[in-house]
Amino acid sequence: MRRRDVISLGFIVALAAGNALYWTGRHRRAEGHESRVAVGVQALRIRGLNLGFQVSAMRRDLFMTVRPAPARVPMRARVVHRTPVALTPSPAQLQKQAVQVALAQLKCVGVVFRHQEREAFFVNGKHMYLARVGGLVEGRFLVGAIRATSVSLSDPETGLSSRLPVSGK
């Protein structure tokens, strides 16, 4: 045999002896060590590497058809102290909401162009209004601009403005 073969054979024998000692557990002399199965599982764990799960010794049949339910961990309820939110809107918000509702009920049904004057026809329920640019509708909405497809209205008190499309109905 050549020298290289002798060295390889010696290395293989040393590796086999170390492996046999490790798996038989004779190298562990302190009490309280886990069984062979647990030692095998611990051999799978890489220290310093956190994969987000923990390997533990399993004592169940791998061919079971039903998996045991995972243990539930009780959760603690966190108490969060918050200041109460005002549920009632301010008077300014109430006024803006009332203006938005009134604008939503108002419909522009037609536009007329006479010479240099532009006029728009508005309907709110059973009431009908005719207004020019700069005029008031329902005594509160100022007509800003009249176009062939839409009319701009604004409320001077709240500053809200809206563009009503000409609906024709």
N, C-alpha and C. Protein backbone atom coordinates (compact mmCIF):
# COMPACT_ATOMS: atom_id res chain seq x y z
N MET A 1 0.83 -1.19 0.00
CA MET A 1 0.00 0.00 0.00
C MET A 1 0.87 1.25 0.00
N ARG A 2 0.33 2.21 -0.69
CA ARG A 2 1.08 3.46 -0.73
C ARG A 2 0.80 4.28 0.51
N ARG A 3 1.62 5.28 0.70
CA ARG A 3 1.50 6.13 1.89
C ARG A 3 0.16 6.86 1.91
N ARG A 4 -0.32 7.33 0.76
CA ARG A 4 -1.58 8.05 0.67
C ARG A 4 -2.76 7.15 1.07
N ASP A 5 -2.72 5.90 0.68
CA ASP A 5 -3.78 4.95 1.04
C ASP A 5 -3.79 4.68 2.53
N VAL A 6 -2.64 4.59 3.16
CA VAL A 6 -2.54 4.34 4.60
C VAL A 6 -3.13 5.53 5.37
N ILE A 7 -2.80 6.73 4.93
CA ILE A 7 -3.32 7.93 5.61
C ILE A 7 -4.85 8.00 5.46
N SER A 8 -5.37 7.71 4.28
CA SER A 8 -6.82 7.72 4.05
C SER A 8 -7.51 6.68 4.91
N LEU A 9 -6.95 5.47 5.00
CA LEU A 9 -7.53 4.41 5.82
C LEU A 9 -7.51 4.79 7.29
N GLY A 10 -6.44 5.39 7.77
CA GLY A 10 -6.37 5.83 9.16
C GLY A 10 -7.40 6.92 9.46
N PHE A 11 -7.60 7.82 8.53
CA PHE A 11 -8.58 8.88 8.70
C PHE A 11 -9.99 8.31 8.77
N ILE A 12 -10.29 7.33 7.92
CA ILE A 12 -11.61 6.70 7.90
C ILE A 12 -11.86 5.95 9.20
N VAL A 13 -10.87 5.22 9.71
CA VAL A 13 -11.02 4.48 10.97
C VAL A 13 -11.25 5.46 12.13
N ALA A 14 -10.50 6.56 12.18
CA ALA A 14 -10.66 7.56 13.25
C ALA A 14 -12.04 8.19 13.18
N LEU A 15 -12.52 8.49 12.01
CA LEU A 15 -13.84 9.08 11.83
C LEU A 15 -14.94 8.11 12.27
N ALA A 16 -14.80 6.82 11.92
CA ALA A 16 -15.78 5.81 12.33
C ALA A 16 -15.78 5.64 13.84
N ALA A 17 -14.63 5.66 14.50
CA ALA A 17 -14.56 5.51 15.95
C ALA A 17 -15.20 6.72 16.64
N GLY A 18 -14.92 7.91 16.15
CA GLY A 18 -15.53 9.11 16.73
C GLY A 18 -17.03 9.13 16.56
N ASN A 19 -17.48 8.69 15.42
CA ASN A 19 -18.92 8.63 15.16
C ASN A 19 -19.60 7.62 16.07
N ALA A 20 -18.98 6.46 16.26
CA ALA A 20 -19.54 5.43 17.12
C ALA A 20 -19.63 5.92 18.56
N LEU A 21 -18.59 6.59 19.04
CA LEU A 21 -18.62 7.13 20.41
C LEU A 21 -19.70 8.19 20.56
N TYR A 22 -19.85 9.01 19.55
CA TYR A 22 -20.85 10.09 19.62
C TYR A 22 -22.27 9.53 19.69
N TRP A 23 -22.61 8.59 18.83
CA TRP A 23 -23.98 8.08 18.78
C TRP A 23 -24.31 7.12 19.91
N THR A 24 -23.34 6.50 20.52
CA THR A 24 -23.63 5.64 21.67
C THR A 24 -23.77 6.45 22.94
N GLY A 25 -23.29 7.65 22.97
CA GLY A 25 -23.46 8.52 24.13
C GLY A 25 -22.45 8.29 25.22
N ARG A 26 -21.37 7.54 24.96
CA ARG A 26 -20.38 7.24 25.99
C ARG A 26 -19.51 8.44 26.32
N HIS A 27 -19.46 9.40 25.42
CA HIS A 27 -18.62 10.56 25.70
C HIS A 27 -19.29 11.52 26.69
N ARG A 28 -20.58 11.32 26.97
CA ARG A 28 -21.29 12.18 27.93
C ARG A 28 -21.30 11.47 29.28
N ARG A 29 -20.72 12.07 30.26
CA ARG A 29 -20.63 11.45 31.57
C ARG A 29 -21.52 12.16 32.58
N ALA A 30 -21.88 13.42 32.31
CA ALA A 30 -22.70 14.18 33.28
C ALA A 30 -24.13 13.68 33.23
N GLU A 31 -24.81 13.75 34.36
CA GLU A 31 -26.19 13.31 34.43
C GLU A 31 -27.12 14.40 33.90
N GLY A 32 -28.33 14.02 33.53
CA GLY A 32 -29.32 14.98 33.07
C GLY A 32 -29.30 15.23 31.57
N HIS A 33 -28.44 14.50 30.85
CA HIS A 33 -28.44 14.70 29.41
C HIS A 33 -29.62 13.96 28.81
N GLU A 34 -30.03 14.42 27.62
CA GLU A 34 -31.20 13.86 26.96
C GLU A 34 -30.88 12.50 26.35
N SER A 35 -31.93 11.83 25.90
CA SER A 35 -31.74 10.51 25.31
C SER A 35 -31.12 10.62 23.92
N ARG A 36 -30.92 9.47 23.27
CA ARG A 36 -30.29 9.45 21.96
C ARG A 36 -31.12 10.22 20.93
N VAL A 37 -32.45 10.11 21.02
CA VAL A 37 -33.30 10.81 20.05
C VAL A 37 -33.12 12.30 20.20
N ALA A 38 -33.09 12.78 21.41
CA ALA A 38 -32.92 14.21 21.64
C ALA A 38 -31.54 14.66 21.22
N VAL A 39 -30.52 13.80 21.40
CA VAL A 39 -29.18 14.16 20.96
C VAL A 39 -29.16 14.30 19.45
N GLY A 40 -29.87 13.41 18.77
CA GLY A 40 -29.93 13.50 17.31
C GLY A 40 -30.62 14.78 16.86
N VAL A 41 -31.67 15.19 17.56
CA VAL A 41 -32.37 16.42 17.20
C VAL A 41 -31.49 17.61 17.50
N GLN A 42 -30.79 17.58 18.63
CA GLN A 42 -29.90 18.68 18.97
C GLN A 42 -28.77 18.81 17.96
N ALA A 43 -28.38 17.69 17.34
CA ALA A 43 -27.32 17.75 16.35
C ALA A 43 -27.78 18.52 15.12
N LEU A 44 -29.11 18.60 14.89
CA LEU A 44 -29.63 19.32 13.75
C LEU A 44 -29.63 20.83 13.96
N ARG A 45 -29.60 21.27 15.19
CA ARG A 45 -29.67 22.69 15.50
C ARG A 45 -28.31 23.35 15.27
N ILE A 46 -28.33 24.46 14.59
CA ILE A 46 -27.11 25.22 14.34
C ILE A 46 -27.11 26.39 15.30
N ARG A 47 -26.13 26.47 16.15
CA ARG A 47 -26.08 27.55 17.13
C ARG A 47 -25.76 28.86 16.43
N GLY A 48 -26.44 29.92 16.90
CA GLY A 48 -26.20 31.24 16.34
C GLY A 48 -27.03 31.51 15.10
N LEU A 49 -27.83 30.54 14.63
CA LEU A 49 -28.66 30.74 13.45
C LEU A 49 -30.11 30.70 13.90
N ASN A 50 -30.81 31.80 13.76
CA ASN A 50 -32.20 31.89 14.17
C ASN A 50 -33.07 31.87 12.94
N LEU A 51 -33.79 30.76 12.73
CA LEU A 51 -34.65 30.62 11.57
C LEU A 51 -36.10 30.94 11.88
N GLY A 52 -36.43 31.35 13.10
CA GLY A 52 -37.80 31.68 13.45
C GLY A 52 -38.57 30.50 14.01
N PHE A 53 -37.99 29.33 14.08
CA PHE A 53 -38.65 28.18 14.68
C PHE A 53 -37.64 27.43 15.53
N GLN A 54 -38.16 26.57 16.38
CA GLN A 54 -37.29 25.85 17.29
C GLN A 54 -37.47 24.36 17.06
N VAL A 55 -36.37 23.66 16.94
CA VAL A 55 -36.39 22.22 16.75
C VAL A 55 -36.42 21.57 18.13
N SER A 56 -37.33 20.66 18.34
CA SER A 56 -37.40 19.97 19.62
C SER A 56 -37.57 18.47 19.37
N ALA A 57 -37.36 17.70 20.40
CA ALA A 57 -37.48 16.25 20.27
C ALA A 57 -38.95 15.89 20.10
N MET A 58 -39.26 15.17 19.03
CA MET A 58 -40.63 14.77 18.76
C MET A 58 -40.81 13.33 19.21
N ARG A 59 -41.84 13.09 19.94
CA ARG A 59 -42.14 11.73 20.38
C ARG A 59 -43.52 11.35 19.86
N ARG A 60 -43.63 11.26 18.53
CA ARG A 60 -44.89 10.85 17.92
C ARG A 60 -44.59 10.00 16.70
N ASP A 61 -45.58 9.29 16.26
CA ASP A 61 -45.44 8.43 15.10
C ASP A 61 -45.49 9.30 13.84
N LEU A 62 -44.51 9.16 12.96
CA LEU A 62 -44.48 9.96 11.75
C LEU A 62 -45.58 9.60 10.77
N PHE A 63 -46.18 8.42 10.92
CA PHE A 63 -47.20 7.97 10.00
C PHE A 63 -48.60 8.13 10.55
N MET A 64 -48.75 8.99 11.55
CA MET A 64 -50.09 9.24 12.11
C MET A 64 -50.92 9.98 11.08
N THR A 65 -52.22 9.66 11.00
CA THR A 65 -53.09 10.34 10.04
C THR A 65 -53.62 11.66 10.60
N VAL A 66 -53.71 11.79 11.90
CA VAL A 66 -54.23 13.01 12.52
C VAL A 66 -53.11 13.67 13.30
N ARG A 67 -52.90 14.94 13.03
CA ARG A 67 -51.86 15.67 13.75
C ARG A 67 -52.45 16.21 15.05
N PRO A 68 -51.68 16.19 16.12
CA PRO A 68 -52.19 16.75 17.37
C PRO A 68 -52.35 18.26 17.25
N ALA A 69 -53.35 18.78 17.96
CA ALA A 69 -53.61 20.22 17.93
C ALA A 69 -52.48 20.97 18.63
N PRO A 70 -52.07 22.10 18.10
CA PRO A 70 -51.00 22.86 18.75
C PRO A 70 -51.49 23.45 20.07
N ALA A 71 -50.59 23.57 21.00
CA ALA A 71 -50.94 24.12 22.30
C ALA A 71 -51.23 25.61 22.15
N ARG A 72 -52.32 26.06 22.75
CA ARG A 72 -52.69 27.47 22.68
C ARG A 72 -52.03 28.24 23.81
N VAL A 73 -51.52 29.37 23.46
CA VAL A 73 -50.87 30.23 24.44
C VAL A 73 -51.84 31.36 24.76
N PRO A 74 -52.21 31.53 26.03
CA PRO A 74 -53.14 32.62 26.34
C PRO A 74 -52.50 33.97 26.08
N MET A 75 -53.29 34.86 25.50
CA MET A 75 -52.78 36.19 25.17
C MET A 75 -53.26 37.19 26.22
N ARG A 76 -52.42 38.14 26.50
CA ARG A 76 -52.80 39.20 27.43
C ARG A 76 -53.48 40.33 26.66
N ALA A 77 -54.48 40.88 27.27
CA ALA A 77 -55.16 42.02 26.68
C ALA A 77 -54.44 43.30 27.08
N ARG A 78 -54.17 44.12 26.07
CA ARG A 78 -53.53 45.39 26.36
C ARG A 78 -54.60 46.47 26.51
N VAL A 79 -54.46 47.29 27.51
CA VAL A 79 -55.39 48.38 27.73
C VAL A 79 -54.76 49.64 27.15
N VAL A 80 -55.48 50.24 26.22
CA VAL A 80 -54.99 51.46 25.59
C VAL A 80 -55.91 52.60 26.03
N HIS A 81 -55.33 53.59 26.64
CA HIS A 81 -56.11 54.74 27.09
C HIS A 81 -56.08 55.81 26.01
N ARG A 82 -57.24 56.14 25.51
CA ARG A 82 -57.34 57.16 24.48
C ARG A 82 -58.35 58.21 24.92
N THR A 83 -58.13 59.41 24.45
CA THR A 83 -59.10 60.46 24.75
C THR A 83 -60.32 60.25 23.88
N PRO A 84 -61.50 60.46 24.43
CA PRO A 84 -62.71 60.24 23.63
C PRO A 84 -62.82 61.27 22.50
N VAL A 85 -63.34 60.81 21.38
CA VAL A 85 -63.51 61.66 20.22
C VAL A 85 -64.91 62.26 20.28
N ALA A 86 -65.01 63.55 19.99
CA ALA A 86 -66.31 64.20 19.99
C ALA A 86 -67.16 63.63 18.85
N LEU A 87 -68.30 63.07 19.20
CA LEU A 87 -69.18 62.47 18.21
C LEU A 87 -70.10 63.49 17.57
N THR A 88 -70.34 64.59 18.24
CA THR A 88 -71.23 65.60 17.68
C THR A 88 -70.39 66.60 16.89
N PRO A 89 -70.79 66.93 15.67
CA PRO A 89 -70.02 67.88 14.88
C PRO A 89 -70.22 69.31 15.39
N SER A 90 -69.28 70.15 15.05
CA SER A 90 -69.35 71.55 15.46
C SER A 90 -70.44 72.27 14.66
N PRO A 91 -70.87 73.45 15.11
CA PRO A 91 -71.90 74.18 14.36
C PRO A 91 -71.47 74.52 12.93
N ALA A 92 -70.18 74.82 12.72
CA ALA A 92 -69.71 75.11 11.36
C ALA A 92 -69.82 73.87 10.47
N GLN A 93 -69.50 72.70 11.04
CA GLN A 93 -69.61 71.47 10.26
C GLN A 93 -71.07 71.16 9.95
N LEU A 94 -71.95 71.42 10.91
CA LEU A 94 -73.39 71.20 10.66
C LEU A 94 -73.90 72.11 9.55
N GLN A 95 -73.43 73.36 9.54
CA GLN A 95 -73.85 74.30 8.51
C GLN A 95 -73.34 73.86 7.14
N LYS A 96 -72.08 73.39 7.07
CA LYS A 96 -71.54 72.91 5.79
C LYS A 96 -72.31 71.68 5.30
N GLN A 97 -72.66 70.79 6.22
CA GLN A 97 -73.43 69.61 5.83
C GLN A 97 -74.81 70.01 5.30
N ALA A 98 -75.44 71.00 5.93
CA ALA A 98 -76.75 71.46 5.46
C ALA A 98 -76.64 72.07 4.07
N VAL A 99 -75.57 72.82 3.81
CA VAL A 99 -75.36 73.42 2.48
C VAL A 99 -75.12 72.31 1.45
N GLN A 100 -74.35 71.29 1.80
CA GLN A 100 -74.10 70.19 0.87
C GLN A 100 -75.38 69.44 0.54
N VAL A 101 -76.25 69.26 1.53
CA VAL A 101 -77.52 68.58 1.28
C VAL A 101 -78.40 69.43 0.37
N ALA A 102 -78.42 70.74 0.62
CA ALA A 102 -79.24 71.63 -0.21
C ALA A 102 -78.72 71.67 -1.65
N LEU A 103 -77.40 71.68 -1.82
CA LEU A 103 -76.83 71.65 -3.17
C LEU A 103 -77.11 70.33 -3.87
N ALA A 104 -77.13 69.24 -3.13
CA ALA A 104 -77.39 67.93 -3.73
C ALA A 104 -78.83 67.82 -4.21
N GLN A 105 -79.76 68.53 -3.56
CA GLN A 105 -81.16 68.47 -3.96
C GLN A 105 -81.47 69.38 -5.15
N LEU A 106 -80.61 70.33 -5.40
CA LEU A 106 -80.81 71.30 -6.48
C LEU A 106 -80.33 70.71 -7.80
N LYS A 107 -81.16 70.85 -8.87
CA LYS A 107 -80.80 70.34 -10.19
C LYS A 107 -80.91 71.45 -11.22
N CYS A 108 -79.94 71.47 -12.12
CA CYS A 108 -79.98 72.41 -13.24
C CYS A 108 -80.60 71.67 -14.43
N VAL A 109 -81.77 72.17 -14.89
CA VAL A 109 -82.48 71.45 -15.95
C VAL A 109 -82.30 72.09 -17.32
N GLY A 110 -81.75 73.32 -17.38
CA GLY A 110 -81.56 73.93 -18.69
C GLY A 110 -80.75 75.20 -18.62
N VAL A 111 -80.18 75.55 -19.77
CA VAL A 111 -79.38 76.76 -19.90
C VAL A 111 -79.85 77.47 -21.17
N VAL A 112 -79.99 78.80 -21.07
CA VAL A 112 -80.42 79.60 -22.21
C VAL A 112 -79.39 80.70 -22.44
N PHE A 113 -79.01 80.90 -23.69
CA PHE A 113 -78.10 81.99 -24.06
C PHE A 113 -78.89 82.98 -24.91
N ARG A 114 -79.19 84.18 -24.36
CA ARG A 114 -79.92 85.23 -25.08
C ARG A 114 -78.99 86.43 -25.25
N HIS A 115 -78.67 86.72 -26.48
CA HIS A 115 -77.77 87.83 -26.80
C HIS A 115 -76.48 87.69 -25.99
N GLN A 116 -76.24 88.58 -25.06
CA GLN A 116 -75.05 88.51 -24.20
C GLN A 116 -75.36 87.92 -22.83
N GLU A 117 -76.60 87.65 -22.54
CA GLU A 117 -77.03 87.15 -21.23
C GLU A 117 -77.10 85.62 -21.24
N ARG A 118 -76.73 85.06 -20.11
CA ARG A 118 -76.84 83.61 -19.91
C ARG A 118 -77.76 83.39 -18.73
N GLU A 119 -78.69 82.46 -18.87
CA GLU A 119 -79.63 82.14 -17.80
C GLU A 119 -79.68 80.63 -17.61
N ALA A 120 -79.90 80.22 -16.36
CA ALA A 120 -79.99 78.80 -16.04
C ALA A 120 -81.28 78.55 -15.28
N PHE A 121 -81.88 77.38 -15.54
CA PHE A 121 -83.12 76.99 -14.87
C PHE A 121 -82.78 75.89 -13.85
N PHE A 122 -83.22 76.12 -12.62
CA PHE A 122 -82.96 75.18 -11.53
C PHE A 122 -84.28 74.66 -10.99
N VAL A 123 -84.27 73.41 -10.52
CA VAL A 123 -85.45 72.78 -9.92
C VAL A 123 -85.03 72.18 -8.58
N ASN A 124 -85.85 72.45 -7.56
CA ASN A 124 -85.67 71.83 -6.24
C ASN A 124 -87.04 71.36 -5.79
N GLY A 125 -87.32 70.08 -6.01
CA GLY A 125 -88.64 69.55 -5.67
C GLY A 125 -89.68 70.15 -6.61
N LYS A 126 -90.65 70.90 -6.05
CA LYS A 126 -91.70 71.53 -6.87
C LYS A 126 -91.37 72.97 -7.22
N HIS A 127 -90.29 73.49 -6.68
CA HIS A 127 -89.91 74.89 -6.92
C HIS A 127 -88.97 74.98 -8.11
N MET A 128 -89.19 76.07 -8.93
CA MET A 128 -88.36 76.30 -10.11
C MET A 128 -87.76 77.69 -10.01
N TYR A 129 -86.47 77.80 -10.37
CA TYR A 129 -85.75 79.07 -10.24
C TYR A 129 -85.09 79.39 -11.58
N LEU A 130 -85.02 80.69 -11.91
CA LEU A 130 -84.33 81.19 -13.08
C LEU A 130 -83.29 82.18 -12.58
N ALA A 131 -82.03 81.99 -12.94
CA ALA A 131 -80.98 82.86 -12.42
C ALA A 131 -79.96 83.17 -13.50
N ARG A 132 -79.36 84.38 -13.42
CA ARG A 132 -78.28 84.81 -14.31
C ARG A 132 -76.97 84.78 -13.54
N VAL A 133 -75.87 85.02 -14.22
CA VAL A 133 -74.56 85.07 -13.58
C VAL A 133 -74.56 86.20 -12.56
N GLY A 134 -74.17 85.90 -11.32
CA GLY A 134 -74.17 86.87 -10.24
C GLY A 134 -75.48 86.88 -9.46
N GLY A 135 -76.49 86.14 -9.90
CA GLY A 135 -77.78 86.10 -9.21
C GLY A 135 -77.77 85.03 -8.11
N LEU A 136 -78.83 85.04 -7.29
CA LEU A 136 -78.96 84.09 -6.19
C LEU A 136 -80.04 83.06 -6.50
N VAL A 137 -79.78 81.83 -6.13
CA VAL A 137 -80.75 80.74 -6.24
C VAL A 137 -81.15 80.38 -4.83
N GLU A 138 -82.46 80.30 -4.58
CA GLU A 138 -83.04 80.03 -3.26
C GLU A 138 -82.59 81.07 -2.24
N GLY A 139 -82.15 82.22 -2.69
CA GLY A 139 -81.75 83.28 -1.79
C GLY A 139 -80.43 83.03 -1.07
N ARG A 140 -79.69 82.00 -1.44
CA ARG A 140 -78.43 81.72 -0.73
C ARG A 140 -77.29 81.31 -1.63
N PHE A 141 -77.52 80.69 -2.78
CA PHE A 141 -76.44 80.21 -3.65
C PHE A 141 -76.18 81.21 -4.76
N LEU A 142 -74.92 81.64 -4.89
CA LEU A 142 -74.51 82.61 -5.89
C LEU A 142 -74.09 81.88 -7.16
N VAL A 143 -74.65 82.32 -8.30
CA VAL A 143 -74.33 81.70 -9.58
C VAL A 143 -73.01 82.30 -10.06
N GLY A 144 -71.98 81.45 -10.22
CA GLY A 144 -70.66 81.94 -10.61
C GLY A 144 -70.47 81.97 -12.10
N ALA A 145 -70.72 80.87 -12.77
CA ALA A 145 -70.51 80.79 -14.23
C ALA A 145 -71.55 79.84 -14.81
N ILE A 146 -72.01 80.21 -16.00
CA ILE A 146 -72.96 79.36 -16.70
C ILE A 146 -72.30 78.91 -18.00
N ARG A 147 -72.17 77.62 -18.17
CA ARG A 147 -71.60 77.04 -19.38
C ARG A 147 -72.67 76.19 -20.05
N ALA A 148 -72.37 75.69 -21.22
CA ALA A 148 -73.35 74.88 -21.96
C ALA A 148 -73.59 73.54 -21.27
N THR A 149 -72.61 73.02 -20.51
CA THR A 149 -72.75 71.71 -19.89
C THR A 149 -72.88 71.74 -18.38
N SER A 150 -72.53 72.87 -17.73
CA SER A 150 -72.59 72.92 -16.27
C SER A 150 -72.76 74.35 -15.78
N VAL A 151 -73.14 74.45 -14.50
CA VAL A 151 -73.32 75.74 -13.84
C VAL A 151 -72.57 75.68 -12.51
N SER A 152 -71.81 76.74 -12.21
CA SER A 152 -71.06 76.81 -10.95
C SER A 152 -71.87 77.60 -9.93
N LEU A 153 -72.06 77.01 -8.76
CA LEU A 153 -72.76 77.66 -7.65
C LEU A 153 -71.84 77.69 -6.45
N SER A 154 -71.99 78.74 -5.61
CA SER A 154 -71.20 78.82 -4.38
C SER A 154 -72.07 79.40 -3.28
N ASP A 155 -71.73 79.07 -2.06
CA ASP A 155 -72.41 79.60 -0.88
C ASP A 155 -71.48 80.62 -0.23
N PRO A 156 -71.83 81.90 -0.21
CA PRO A 156 -70.92 82.91 0.34
C PRO A 156 -70.69 82.76 1.85
N GLU A 157 -71.62 82.21 2.59
CA GLU A 157 -71.47 82.09 4.04
C GLU A 157 -70.43 81.03 4.42
N THR A 158 -70.48 79.87 3.79
CA THR A 158 -69.58 78.78 4.16
C THR A 158 -68.37 78.67 3.23
N GLY A 159 -68.45 79.26 2.05
CA GLY A 159 -67.35 79.17 1.10
C GLY A 159 -67.38 77.91 0.26
N LEU A 160 -68.40 77.08 0.40
CA LEU A 160 -68.52 75.86 -0.40
C LEU A 160 -68.98 76.20 -1.81
N SER A 161 -68.43 75.50 -2.78
CA SER A 161 -68.85 75.69 -4.16
C SER A 161 -69.08 74.33 -4.80
N SER A 162 -69.91 74.35 -5.84
CA SER A 162 -70.25 73.11 -6.51
C SER A 162 -70.50 73.40 -7.97
N ARG A 163 -70.27 72.42 -8.80
CA ARG A 163 -70.56 72.53 -10.22
C ARG A 163 -71.67 71.54 -10.54
N LEU A 164 -72.81 72.07 -10.95
CA LEU A 164 -73.98 71.24 -11.27
C LEU A 164 -74.00 70.97 -12.78
N PRO A 165 -74.09 69.71 -13.18
CA PRO A 165 -74.22 69.44 -14.62
C PRO A 165 -75.65 69.75 -15.09
N VAL A 166 -75.78 70.11 -16.34
CA VAL A 166 -77.11 70.36 -16.92
C VAL A 166 -77.71 68.99 -17.20
N SER A 167 -78.80 68.65 -16.50
CA SER A 167 -79.36 67.31 -16.63
C SER A 167 -80.45 67.25 -17.66
N GLY A 168 -81.20 68.30 -17.90
CA GLY A 168 -82.24 68.30 -18.92
C GLY A 168 -83.53 67.66 -18.45
N LYS A 169 -83.61 67.15 -17.25
CA LYS A 169 -84.85 66.53 -16.75
C LYS A 169 -85.27 67.18 -15.45
